[in-house]
């Protein structure tokens, strides 16, 4: 530090000593290059595998959706909502379901159980909420963030970004629904009903459910819409992420010099 910033001639330079350990063909250099290549290969393979897995499960899940399709209600609802460009599907299912799925061209899926449970105002609020997710391509964005958090699990900020984007997307979708319907009553009533009758089964497909994400934040926003909701960022996650990134930077510098 004194040598770099004040020009003091230091006979024993610890920084230069550390760099000298990583001379080409040394055991330290070989270890760094091997570790760096292993991390790159791991990240690439995880990304490739998770992407292929998501495509496979999406195709299988869509076949199930099509096999349960309620053709008459689907036609009626697409006529009622022409702006959705025939991307709305109604399925035979007693459980109340409302979600958006699809990475390239997202579809909105509603169940007959949901339609029977909600009144017109509540159903409209749910439709506007899911329309926001569809127009904003949230299934694709959430999948990409999840993929990054899995491939780069050693950088905690990737996991934080994934979880907090899901919260923010739900809050923005609620705001959009309230703005389009002109009232928060339909949305809040629908949310309470769906929380009470929530369908808890997990799937391997990236879905954006109406009532399974960040419920506490959403209820707080409905009760106190003028109050900002802070997204807490853990200090430990920042420190570890910065350290890992610095370590990776040093490894790259060693490998290319």
C-alpha atoms as a PDB file:
ATOM      1  CA  UNK A   1       0.000   0.000   0.000  1.00  0.00           C
ATOM      2  CA  UNK A   2       2.762   2.434   0.901  1.00  0.00           C
ATOM      3  CA  UNK A   3       4.613   1.508  -2.304  1.00  0.00           C
ATOM      4  CA  UNK A   4       1.549   2.019  -4.505  1.00  0.00           C
ATOM      5  CA  UNK A   5       0.142   5.184  -2.949  1.00  0.00           C
ATOM      6  CA  UNK A   6       3.195   6.971  -1.509  1.00  0.00           C
ATOM      7  CA  UNK A   7       6.031   5.700  -3.710  1.00  0.00           C
ATOM      8  CA  UNK A   8       7.977   4.254  -0.773  1.00  0.00           C
ATOM      9  CA  UNK A   9      10.518   1.684  -1.947  1.00  0.00           C
ATOM     10  CA  UNK A  10       9.627  -1.488  -0.030  1.00  0.00           C
ATOM     11  CA  UNK A  11      12.238  -4.236  -0.229  1.00  0.00           C
ATOM     12  CA  UNK A  12       9.815  -7.041   0.728  1.00  0.00           C
ATOM     13  CA  UNK A  13       6.646  -6.677  -1.376  1.00  0.00           C
ATOM     14  CA  UNK A  14       3.984  -9.150  -0.255  1.00  0.00           C
ATOM     15  CA  UNK A  15       1.806  -8.507  -3.330  1.00  0.00           C
ATOM     16  CA  UNK A  16       4.655  -9.322  -5.723  1.00  0.00           C
ATOM     17  CA  UNK A  17       5.438 -12.406  -3.673  1.00  0.00           C
ATOM     18  CA  UNK A  18       1.865 -13.662  -4.058  1.00  0.00           C
ATOM     19  CA  UNK A  19       1.900 -13.002  -7.803  1.00  0.00           C
ATOM     20  CA  UNK A  20       5.214 -14.824  -8.146  1.00  0.00           C
ATOM     21  CA  UNK A  21       3.592 -17.988  -6.812  1.00  0.00           C
ATOM     22  CA  UNK A  22       1.402 -18.151  -9.904  1.00  0.00           C
ATOM     23  CA  UNK A  23       4.140 -18.271 -12.515  1.00  0.00           C
ATOM     24  CA  UNK A  24       3.228 -20.371 -15.524  1.00  0.00           C
ATOM     25  CA  UNK A  25       3.876 -24.119 -15.098  1.00  0.00           C
ATOM     26  CA  UNK A  26       3.914 -23.806 -11.321  1.00  0.00           C
ATOM     27  CA  UNK A  27       1.603 -25.968  -9.206  1.00  0.00           C
ATOM     28  CA  UNK A  28      -0.334 -22.888  -8.037  1.00  0.00           C
ATOM     29  CA  UNK A  29      -0.894 -21.676 -11.594  1.00  0.00           C
ATOM     30  CA  UNK A  30      -2.062 -25.119 -12.662  1.00  0.00           C
ATOM     31  CA  UNK A  31      -4.471 -25.301  -9.699  1.00  0.00           C
ATOM     32  CA  UNK A  32      -6.008 -21.871 -10.430  1.00  0.00           C
ATOM     33  CA  UNK A  33      -6.492 -22.630 -14.149  1.00  0.00           C
ATOM     34  CA  UNK A  34      -7.979 -26.040 -13.348  1.00  0.00           C
ATOM     35  CA  UNK A  35     -10.378 -24.590 -10.774  1.00  0.00           C
ATOM     36  CA  UNK A  36     -11.432 -21.740 -13.066  1.00  0.00           C
ATOM     37  CA  UNK A  37     -12.106 -24.094 -15.990  1.00  0.00           C
ATOM     38  CA  UNK A  38     -14.025 -26.440 -13.697  1.00  0.00           C
ATOM     39  CA  UNK A  39     -16.259 -23.574 -12.526  1.00  0.00           C
ATOM     40  CA  UNK A  40     -16.873 -22.467 -16.136  1.00  0.00           C
ATOM     41  CA  UNK A  41     -17.717 -26.016 -17.193  1.00  0.00           C
ATOM     42  CA  UNK A  42     -20.000 -26.490 -14.175  1.00  0.00           C
ATOM     43  CA  UNK A  43     -21.873 -23.247 -14.880  1.00  0.00           C
ATOM     44  CA  UNK A  44     -22.294 -24.138 -18.547  1.00  0.00           C
ATOM     45  CA  UNK A  45     -23.512 -27.688 -17.843  1.00  0.00           C
ATOM     46  CA  UNK A  46     -25.968 -26.589 -15.132  1.00  0.00           C
ATOM     47  CA  UNK A  47     -27.358 -23.904 -17.448  1.00  0.00           C
ATOM     48  CA  UNK A  48     -27.727 -26.384 -20.299  1.00  0.00           C
ATOM     49  CA  UNK A  49     -29.312 -29.069 -18.119  1.00  0.00           C
ATOM     50  CA  UNK A  50     -31.770 -26.755 -16.348  1.00  0.00           C
ATOM     51  CA  UNK A  51     -32.839 -25.169 -19.648  1.00  0.00           C
ATOM     52  CA  UNK A  52     -33.447 -28.561 -21.274  1.00  0.00           C
ATOM     53  CA  UNK A  53     -35.265 -29.736 -18.142  1.00  0.00           C
ATOM     54  CA  UNK A  54     -37.515 -26.668 -18.154  1.00  0.00           C
ATOM     55  CA  UNK A  55     -38.403 -27.145 -21.838  1.00  0.00           C
ATOM     56  CA  UNK A  56     -39.182 -30.830 -21.228  1.00  0.00           C
ATOM     57  CA  UNK A  57     -41.423 -30.199 -18.204  1.00  0.00           C
ATOM     58  CA  UNK A  58     -43.157 -27.290 -19.952  1.00  0.00           C
ATOM     59  CA  UNK A  59     -44.051 -29.471 -22.950  1.00  0.00           C
ATOM     60  CA  UNK A  60     -45.391 -32.229 -20.673  1.00  0.00           C
ATOM     61  CA  UNK A  61     -47.328 -29.774 -18.522  1.00  0.00           C
ATOM     62  CA  UNK A  62     -48.853 -28.068 -21.545  1.00  0.00           C
ATOM     63  CA  UNK A  63     -50.103 -31.453 -22.794  1.00  0.00           C
ATOM     64  CA  UNK A  64     -51.885 -31.924 -19.452  1.00  0.00           C
ATOM     65  CA  UNK A  65     -53.392 -28.456 -19.749  1.00  0.00           C
ATOM     66  CA  UNK A  66     -54.657 -29.156 -23.274  1.00  0.00           C
ATOM     67  CA  UNK A  67     -56.140 -32.501 -22.214  1.00  0.00           C
ATOM     68  CA  UNK A  68     -58.170 -30.719 -19.505  1.00  0.00           C
ATOM     69  CA  UNK A  69     -59.172 -27.775 -21.706  1.00  0.00           C
ATOM     70  CA  UNK A  70     -62.756 -26.517 -21.421  1.00  0.00           C
ATOM     71  CA  UNK A  71     -63.320 -25.555 -25.044  1.00  0.00           C
ATOM     72  CA  UNK A  72     -66.587 -23.630 -24.646  1.00  0.00           C
ATOM     73  CA  UNK A  73     -65.429 -21.474 -21.737  1.00  0.00           C
ATOM     74  CA  UNK A  74     -62.048 -20.905 -23.401  1.00  0.00           C
ATOM     75  CA  UNK A  75     -63.781 -19.645 -26.538  1.00  0.00           C
ATOM     76  CA  UNK A  76     -66.148 -17.432 -24.523  1.00  0.00           C
ATOM     77  CA  UNK A  77     -63.365 -15.878 -22.420  1.00  0.00           C
ATOM     78  CA  UNK A  78     -61.128 -15.232 -25.424  1.00  0.00           C
ATOM     79  CA  UNK A  79     -64.065 -13.458 -27.039  1.00  0.00           C
ATOM     80  CA  UNK A  80     -64.522 -11.398 -23.868  1.00  0.00           C
ATOM     81  CA  UNK A  81     -60.805 -10.532 -23.739  1.00  0.00           C
ATOM     82  CA  UNK A  82     -59.709 -10.104 -27.385  1.00  0.00           C
ATOM     83  CA  UNK A  83     -56.593  -8.158 -26.351  1.00  0.00           C
ATOM     84  CA  UNK A  84     -55.079 -11.421 -25.049  1.00  0.00           C
ATOM     85  CA  UNK A  85     -54.839 -12.749 -28.614  1.00  0.00           C
ATOM     86  CA  UNK A  86     -56.239 -16.243 -27.901  1.00  0.00           C
ATOM     87  CA  UNK A  87     -53.697 -16.931 -25.130  1.00  0.00           C
ATOM     88  CA  UNK A  88     -56.282 -17.563 -22.394  1.00  0.00           C
ATOM     89  CA  UNK A  89     -57.175 -21.158 -21.456  1.00  0.00           C
ATOM     90  CA  UNK A  90     -59.875 -22.466 -19.124  1.00  0.00           C
ATOM     91  CA  UNK A  91     -59.349 -25.970 -17.756  1.00  0.00           C
ATOM     92  CA  UNK A  92     -61.606 -28.477 -16.004  1.00  0.00           C
ATOM     93  CA  UNK A  93     -60.306 -28.372 -12.430  1.00  0.00           C
ATOM     94  CA  UNK A  94     -62.272 -28.100  -9.186  1.00  0.00           C
ATOM     95  CA  UNK A  95     -59.322 -26.420  -7.451  1.00  0.00           C
ATOM     96  CA  UNK A  96     -59.250 -22.620  -7.909  1.00  0.00           C
ATOM     97  CA  UNK A  97     -56.218 -21.965 -10.107  1.00  0.00           C
ATOM     98  CA  UNK A  98     -54.896 -18.828 -11.797  1.00  0.00           C
ATOM     99  CA  UNK A  99     -51.387 -18.684 -13.232  1.00  0.00           C
ATOM    100  CA  UNK A 100     -49.330 -17.629 -16.235  1.00  0.00           C
ATOM    101  CA  UNK A 101     -46.997 -20.095 -17.944  1.00  0.00           C
ATOM    102  CA  UNK A 102     -44.755 -20.208 -20.994  1.00  0.00           C
ATOM    103  CA  UNK A 103     -41.299 -18.811 -21.682  1.00  0.00           C
ATOM    104  CA  UNK A 104     -41.766 -17.642 -25.279  1.00  0.00           C
ATOM    105  CA  UNK A 105     -45.474 -16.786 -25.569  1.00  0.00           C
ATOM    106  CA  UNK A 106     -47.010 -16.925 -22.066  1.00  0.00           C
ATOM    107  CA  UNK A 107     -50.553 -18.220 -21.624  1.00  0.00           C
ATOM    108  CA  UNK A 108     -52.993 -17.386 -18.841  1.00  0.00           C
ATOM    109  CA  UNK A 109     -54.595 -20.454 -17.266  1.00  0.00           C
ATOM    110  CA  UNK A 110     -57.784 -20.302 -15.190  1.00  0.00           C
ATOM    111  CA  UNK A 111     -59.701 -23.216 -13.730  1.00  0.00           C
ATOM    112  CA  UNK A 112     -63.458 -23.799 -13.669  1.00  0.00           C
ATOM    113  CA  UNK A 113     -63.200 -23.920  -9.856  1.00  0.00           C
ATOM    114  CA  UNK A 114     -61.822 -20.382  -9.834  1.00  0.00           C
ATOM    115  CA  UNK A 115     -64.565 -19.070 -12.136  1.00  0.00           C
ATOM    116  CA  UNK A 116     -67.264 -20.623  -9.941  1.00  0.00           C
ATOM    117  CA  UNK A 117     -65.739 -19.223  -6.732  1.00  0.00           C
ATOM    118  CA  UNK A 118     -65.190 -15.588  -7.778  1.00  0.00           C
ATOM    119  CA  UNK A 119     -67.695 -12.914  -8.702  1.00  0.00           C
ATOM    120  CA  UNK A 120     -67.290 -10.689 -11.775  1.00  0.00           C
ATOM    121  CA  UNK A 121     -65.249  -7.963 -10.067  1.00  0.00           C
ATOM    122  CA  UNK A 122     -62.897 -10.468  -8.439  1.00  0.00           C
ATOM    123  CA  UNK A 123     -62.452 -12.399 -11.678  1.00  0.00           C
ATOM    124  CA  UNK A 124     -61.669  -9.211 -13.581  1.00  0.00           C
ATOM    125  CA  UNK A 125     -59.010  -8.282 -11.003  1.00  0.00           C
ATOM    126  CA  UNK A 126     -57.390 -11.719 -11.336  1.00  0.00           C
ATOM    127  CA  UNK A 127     -57.451 -11.414 -15.121  1.00  0.00           C
ATOM    128  CA  UNK A 128     -55.756  -8.009 -15.031  1.00  0.00           C
ATOM    129  CA  UNK A 129     -53.163  -9.305 -12.569  1.00  0.00           C
ATOM    130  CA  UNK A 130     -52.270 -12.238 -14.817  1.00  0.00           C
ATOM    131  CA  UNK A 131     -52.353  -9.998 -17.900  1.00  0.00           C
ATOM    132  CA  UNK A 132     -49.552  -7.945 -16.383  1.00  0.00           C
ATOM    133  CA  UNK A 133     -47.455 -11.081 -15.871  1.00  0.00           C
ATOM    134  CA  UNK A 134     -48.117 -12.119 -19.454  1.00  0.00           C
ATOM    135  CA  UNK A 135     -47.292  -8.750 -21.019  1.00  0.00           C
ATOM    136  CA  UNK A 136     -44.220  -8.363 -18.805  1.00  0.00           C
ATOM    137  CA  UNK A 137     -42.932 -11.863 -19.726  1.00  0.00           C
ATOM    138  CA  UNK A 138     -42.549 -12.658 -16.033  1.00  0.00           C
ATOM    139  CA  UNK A 139     -42.377 -16.477 -16.443  1.00  0.00           C
ATOM    140  CA  UNK A 140     -39.326 -16.057 -18.689  1.00  0.00           C
ATOM    141  CA  UNK A 141     -37.659 -13.456 -16.453  1.00  0.00           C
ATOM    142  CA  UNK A 142     -38.239 -15.522 -13.315  1.00  0.00           C
ATOM    143  CA  UNK A 143     -36.863 -18.628 -15.032  1.00  0.00           C
ATOM    144  CA  UNK A 144     -33.707 -16.770 -16.118  1.00  0.00           C
ATOM    145  CA  UNK A 145     -33.131 -15.410 -12.595  1.00  0.00           C
ATOM    146  CA  UNK A 146     -33.735 -18.872 -11.116  1.00  0.00           C
ATOM    147  CA  UNK A 147     -31.298 -20.360 -13.632  1.00  0.00           C
ATOM    148  CA  UNK A 148     -28.630 -17.811 -12.709  1.00  0.00           C
ATOM    149  CA  UNK A 149     -29.154 -18.423  -8.984  1.00  0.00           C
ATOM    150  CA  UNK A 150     -28.717 -22.180  -9.525  1.00  0.00           C
ATOM    151  CA  UNK A 151     -25.702 -21.951 -11.820  1.00  0.00           C
ATOM    152  CA  UNK A 152     -23.980 -19.261  -9.721  1.00  0.00           C
ATOM    153  CA  UNK A 153     -25.131 -20.496  -6.310  1.00  0.00           C
ATOM    154  CA  UNK A 154     -21.783 -19.420  -4.811  1.00  0.00           C
ATOM    155  CA  UNK A 155     -22.772 -15.749  -5.357  1.00  0.00           C
ATOM    156  CA  UNK A 156     -25.569 -15.120  -2.788  1.00  0.00           C
ATOM    157  CA  UNK A 157     -26.826 -11.965  -4.526  1.00  0.00           C
ATOM    158  CA  UNK A 158     -28.133 -14.081  -7.423  1.00  0.00           C
ATOM    159  CA  UNK A 159     -30.497 -15.921  -5.073  1.00  0.00           C
ATOM    160  CA  UNK A 160     -31.544 -12.615  -3.475  1.00  0.00           C
ATOM    161  CA  UNK A 161     -32.324 -11.163  -6.917  1.00  0.00           C
ATOM    162  CA  UNK A 162     -34.408 -14.200  -7.856  1.00  0.00           C
ATOM    163  CA  UNK A 163     -36.555 -14.181  -4.721  1.00  0.00           C
ATOM    164  CA  UNK A 164     -37.028 -10.426  -4.613  1.00  0.00           C
ATOM    165  CA  UNK A 165     -37.944 -10.101  -8.281  1.00  0.00           C
ATOM    166  CA  UNK A 166     -40.807 -12.536  -7.643  1.00  0.00           C
ATOM    167  CA  UNK A 167     -42.014 -10.274  -4.836  1.00  0.00           C
ATOM    168  CA  UNK A 168     -41.709  -7.114  -6.933  1.00  0.00           C
ATOM    169  CA  UNK A 169     -43.450  -8.670  -9.941  1.00  0.00           C
ATOM    170  CA  UNK A 170     -46.447  -9.607  -7.781  1.00  0.00           C
ATOM    171  CA  UNK A 171     -46.662  -6.138  -6.251  1.00  0.00           C
ATOM    172  CA  UNK A 172     -46.474  -4.496  -9.691  1.00  0.00           C
ATOM    173  CA  UNK A 173     -49.126  -6.876 -11.050  1.00  0.00           C
ATOM    174  CA  UNK A 174     -51.410  -5.955  -8.136  1.00  0.00           C
ATOM    175  CA  UNK A 175     -50.883  -2.244  -8.794  1.00  0.00           C
ATOM    176  CA  UNK A 176     -51.680  -2.805 -12.467  1.00  0.00           C
ATOM    177  CA  UNK A 177     -54.888  -4.688 -11.600  1.00  0.00           C
ATOM    178  CA  UNK A 178     -56.010  -1.972  -9.173  1.00  0.00           C
ATOM    179  CA  UNK A 179     -55.317   0.720 -11.773  1.00  0.00           C
ATOM    180  CA  UNK A 180     -57.227  -1.122 -14.509  1.00  0.00           C
ATOM    181  CA  UNK A 181     -60.238  -2.039 -12.351  1.00  0.00           C
ATOM    182  CA  UNK A 182     -60.316   1.286 -10.499  1.00  0.00           C
ATOM    183  CA  UNK A 183     -60.548  -0.303  -7.052  1.00  0.00           C
ATOM    184  CA  UNK A 184     -58.606  -2.601  -4.751  1.00  0.00           C
ATOM    185  CA  UNK A 185     -61.780  -4.325  -3.484  1.00  0.00           C
ATOM    186  CA  UNK A 186     -62.009  -6.949  -6.222  1.00  0.00           C
ATOM    187  CA  UNK A 187     -58.336  -7.823  -5.980  1.00  0.00           C
ATOM    188  CA  UNK A 188     -58.248  -8.037  -2.175  1.00  0.00           C
ATOM    189  CA  UNK A 189     -61.409 -10.138  -2.045  1.00  0.00           C
ATOM    190  CA  UNK A 190     -60.089 -12.525  -4.708  1.00  0.00           C
ATOM    191  CA  UNK A 191     -56.733 -12.786  -2.939  1.00  0.00           C
ATOM    192  CA  UNK A 192     -58.339 -13.665   0.393  1.00  0.00           C
ATOM    193  CA  UNK A 193     -60.511 -16.337  -1.230  1.00  0.00           C
ATOM    194  CA  UNK A 194     -57.569 -17.880  -3.068  1.00  0.00           C
ATOM    195  CA  UNK A 195     -55.368 -17.847   0.039  1.00  0.00           C
ATOM    196  CA  UNK A 196     -58.091 -19.725   1.888  1.00  0.00           C
ATOM    197  CA  UNK A 197     -58.453 -22.270  -0.914  1.00  0.00           C
ATOM    198  CA  UNK A 198     -54.857 -22.282  -2.158  1.00  0.00           C
ATOM    199  CA  UNK A 199     -53.654 -25.181  -4.281  1.00  0.00           C
ATOM    200  CA  UNK A 200     -50.349 -26.176  -2.655  1.00  0.00           C
ATOM    201  CA  UNK A 201     -48.971 -28.704  -5.147  1.00  0.00           C
ATOM    202  CA  UNK A 202     -45.518 -27.832  -6.497  1.00  0.00           C
ATOM    203  CA  UNK A 203     -44.494 -28.288 -10.132  1.00  0.00           C
ATOM    204  CA  UNK A 204     -41.172 -28.326 -11.980  1.00  0.00           C
ATOM    205  CA  UNK A 205     -42.499 -25.810 -14.499  1.00  0.00           C
ATOM    206  CA  UNK A 206     -41.902 -22.095 -13.984  1.00  0.00           C
ATOM    207  CA  UNK A 207     -45.386 -20.728 -13.250  1.00  0.00           C
ATOM    208  CA  UNK A 208     -46.474 -17.338 -11.962  1.00  0.00           C
ATOM    209  CA  UNK A 209     -49.330 -18.104  -9.554  1.00  0.00           C
ATOM    210  CA  UNK A 210     -51.839 -15.517  -8.433  1.00  0.00           C
ATOM    211  CA  UNK A 211     -51.887 -16.466  -4.743  1.00  0.00           C
ATOM    212  CA  UNK A 212     -48.669 -18.338  -3.893  1.00  0.00           C
ATOM    213  CA  UNK A 213     -46.028 -15.597  -3.877  1.00  0.00           C
ATOM    214  CA  UNK A 214     -45.224 -12.816  -1.394  1.00  0.00           C
ATOM    215  CA  UNK A 215     -48.710 -12.845   0.135  1.00  0.00           C
ATOM    216  CA  UNK A 216     -47.676 -10.866   3.228  1.00  0.00           C
ATOM    217  CA  UNK A 217     -46.173  -8.057   1.141  1.00  0.00           C
ATOM    218  CA  UNK A 218     -49.230  -7.957  -1.095  1.00  0.00           C
ATOM    219  CA  UNK A 219     -51.639  -7.746   1.821  1.00  0.00           C
ATOM    220  CA  UNK A 220     -49.531  -4.950   3.320  1.00  0.00           C
ATOM    221  CA  UNK A 221     -49.678  -3.069   0.016  1.00  0.00           C
ATOM    222  CA  UNK A 222     -53.460  -3.448  -0.124  1.00  0.00           C
ATOM    223  CA  UNK A 223     -53.899  -2.233   3.469  1.00  0.00           C
ATOM    224  CA  UNK A 224     -51.320   0.595   3.224  1.00  0.00           C
ATOM    225  CA  UNK A 225     -50.895   1.418  -0.489  1.00  0.00           C
ATOM    226  CA  UNK A 226     -49.093   4.698   0.271  1.00  0.00           C
ATOM    227  CA  UNK A 227     -46.357   2.988   2.292  1.00  0.00           C
ATOM    228  CA  UNK A 228     -43.172   1.774   0.552  1.00  0.00           C
ATOM    229  CA  UNK A 229     -42.247  -1.847   1.134  1.00  0.00           C
ATOM    230  CA  UNK A 230     -38.482  -2.188   1.769  1.00  0.00           C
ATOM    231  CA  UNK A 231     -36.740  -5.202   0.274  1.00  0.00           C
ATOM    232  CA  UNK A 232     -34.156  -6.181   2.854  1.00  0.00           C
ATOM    233  CA  UNK A 233     -30.674  -6.832   1.501  1.00  0.00           C
ATOM    234  CA  UNK A 234     -28.542  -8.945   3.823  1.00  0.00           C
ATOM    235  CA  UNK A 235     -25.082  -7.600   4.570  1.00  0.00           C
ATOM    236  CA  UNK A 236     -23.635 -11.107   4.620  1.00  0.00           C
ATOM    237  CA  UNK A 237     -24.892 -11.726   1.083  1.00  0.00           C
ATOM    238  CA  UNK A 238     -23.195  -8.555  -0.160  1.00  0.00           C
ATOM    239  CA  UNK A 239     -19.897  -9.301   1.576  1.00  0.00           C
ATOM    240  CA  UNK A 240     -19.724 -12.913   0.389  1.00  0.00           C
ATOM    241  CA  UNK A 241     -20.751 -11.985  -3.172  1.00  0.00           C
ATOM    242  CA  UNK A 242     -18.113  -9.242  -3.409  1.00  0.00           C
ATOM    243  CA  UNK A 243     -15.429 -11.562  -2.053  1.00  0.00           C
ATOM    244  CA  UNK A 244     -16.341 -14.328  -4.496  1.00  0.00           C
ATOM    245  CA  UNK A 245     -16.358 -11.898  -7.425  1.00  0.00           C
ATOM    246  CA  UNK A 246     -12.948 -10.525  -6.412  1.00  0.00           C
ATOM    247  CA  UNK A 247     -11.612 -14.061  -6.114  1.00  0.00           C
ATOM    248  CA  UNK A 248     -12.912 -14.914  -9.577  1.00  0.00           C
ATOM    249  CA  UNK A 249     -11.366 -11.729 -10.958  1.00  0.00           C
ATOM    250  CA  UNK A 250      -7.975 -12.635  -9.493  1.00  0.00           C
ATOM    251  CA  UNK A 251      -8.247 -16.160 -10.906  1.00  0.00           C
ATOM    252  CA  UNK A 252      -9.003 -14.788 -14.363  1.00  0.00           C
ATOM    253  CA  UNK A 253      -6.064 -12.355 -14.132  1.00  0.00           C
ATOM    254  CA  UNK A 254      -3.750 -15.178 -13.128  1.00  0.00           C
ATOM    255  CA  UNK A 255      -4.994 -17.414 -15.953  1.00  0.00           C
ATOM    256  CA  UNK A 256      -4.592 -14.829 -18.715  1.00  0.00           C
ATOM    257  CA  UNK A 257      -1.251 -13.331 -17.630  1.00  0.00           C
END
